[in-house]
Amino acid sequence: MPRAVWTGSLSFGLVSIPVALYPATSPKDVRFHLFDREGRRVRYRRFSEPAPQEEAVDARDDEPRDEQPRDEQPRDEPSPDRELGYQELVRGYEVEPGRFAMLEHEEVERARPERSTTIELEDFVELDDIDPVYFEKSYYLAPRRNAEKPYALLLKTLERTGRVGIGRFVLRTKPHLVAVRAGDAAIVLETLYFGDEVRPASEAVPPVDDTAATDRELRIAEQLVEMLATSWDPARYSDEYREELLRIISEKAPVESPEAPDGSQPSTTTARAEELMEALKRSVEEAKAKKADTRDRRRAG
């Protein structure tokens, strides 16, 4: 079972329901670590980039001014080879191109909102009134101990009215606008983008002339849509790119990184890993032999 990312109460009117919040999705992206070709992990570090070398120009004759002698250049600038600690960093917000307002860590922390203990539903709206572009991420709300009855009451009410509750709360350190709706046998919480975070379509799409399509073209297009119409089944759609990556990975024999600790005695886990490695190697050889055999038969045929 997934771990709750937030616990608190969901309230509407005088009804308060103790709930726990669980992620409703689990991305399956294939994530890689970076290595060099010797099998050593590649890691990132923070360092300051050298200041740009600019020539000062005299506006009267456009002749470069005398530069400071090389041996008199300041030597207190940080070396780009030195890794910077977290305490040496400040946050910069670009107020205009090339100009930044610098904030200390403490200043950012002072602005953070306090963690919410309650999601208070302020309004109830029709679900169809919310454009899907506003939906950000889905969560399940689960009842906590002795909260099953008010939870079931709200779930049934949302199902019957077809409305969703709109509220706000702070998850971790970020305030969220949320829509609470009835899902499949559970209450679903959708985090929403705030109004000023969604661009108007006019910024990206030029005005469309909806009279350009003829009635005949519309009828044929509608017939095509009806021919392709079906019920929604998410199992019909898969990430073919991820599946292909996993297939390629399954054909690769694992390589131990030089950074892995060496033990004097192989543990049970190591022994099993060696067995797995041997099995993988045999599988790779069998797959290669099978592929070569198939290729020879095709040529002979």
Foldseek 3Di string as FASTA:
>chain_A
DFDFLDWAWEDEDPDIFTKTKAFPDDDPDDDDFDDDPQQAGDDDFDFDDDDDDDFDADPPPRDTDDDDDPVPPDDPDDDRVDGDDPQVDWDWDPPDVPDTDTHHPVVVVVPFDDFDRYWYFDDKDAPVVDDPVFFDGKIFIGGDPPRVVVQVVVLVVQVVVNIWTWTWGARPGRIFIWTWGHDDVTIMITTTDDPVVDDDVVVPDPDDDPPPDDPVNVVVVVVVCVVPDDDDDVVVDDDVVRVVVVVVVLLDQDDDHPPDDDDPDQDPVNVVSVVVSVVSVVVNVVVVVVVVVVVVVVVVD
